[in-house]
Amino acid sequence: MKYFELSIASYQGKTAHLSLAEHGAYVLMMMTFYSTEKPLPADRRVLYRLLRAETPAERKAIDAVTSEFWSESNGKLTNPRCDETLARYVDWVSKQKANGSKGGRPKETDGLANGNPTETQREANANPSLTHGKANGSHDLESYSENDLKLPTHTSESDAGAGAPRGRVRGERKRRDEEDSGWKPPTEEQIRAGY
């Protein structure tokens, strides 16, 4: 395995009591387990060397994590969660190999694969509501003037006028949200007083 998923909530829920050194030991043990795809050696001298534990504190951290989270069987250390994750990974890899052996994507013939185009549309239609030369699929394009096809744009409240769509005016939505929440910007006096 080149990477593994770590459920932060699950990990922290089960390891909140560990020291910093113990967290390091546990994560390094999981990384070694996943990268080799094998159980860890139960022999402490070999395990310490494998995990690069040089100080008594580092060795004590490995011992604490091993006794709490790893099980020894036939001279090997395993962890139920790591075993489950590795089994899912091995299953996924075997499925990917099986799919790959089927030959991959269909071969292209005259720009079509299985009767479907192999490329997406290169340029978007100038007006997405136009369908086969008709606006909204019902009227001829020629029946619309240039102004009918443009959306109104406003740069300030004074440009908007009474019939402007709600929220299209710059600042209108922010002002409306402030009114709805009851929030008001601080006055200069409040700012000077350390508001």
Foldseek 3Di string as FASTA:
>chain_A
DQDFDDDVVVVCVVCVPADPLLVLLVVLLLVVCVVVVHFAFQPLVRNCVSSVPDDPVNSVSNVVCQVPAWDDDPRGTDGVVSVVRSVVVVVVVVVVVVVVVVPPAADDDPQDGVNHGPDDDPDDDPQVQDDPQAGVPPHHPVVDDPVVRDDDAEAAPVRQPDPRPQPRHVPRVVVVVCVVVVHDDDDPVCVVVPD
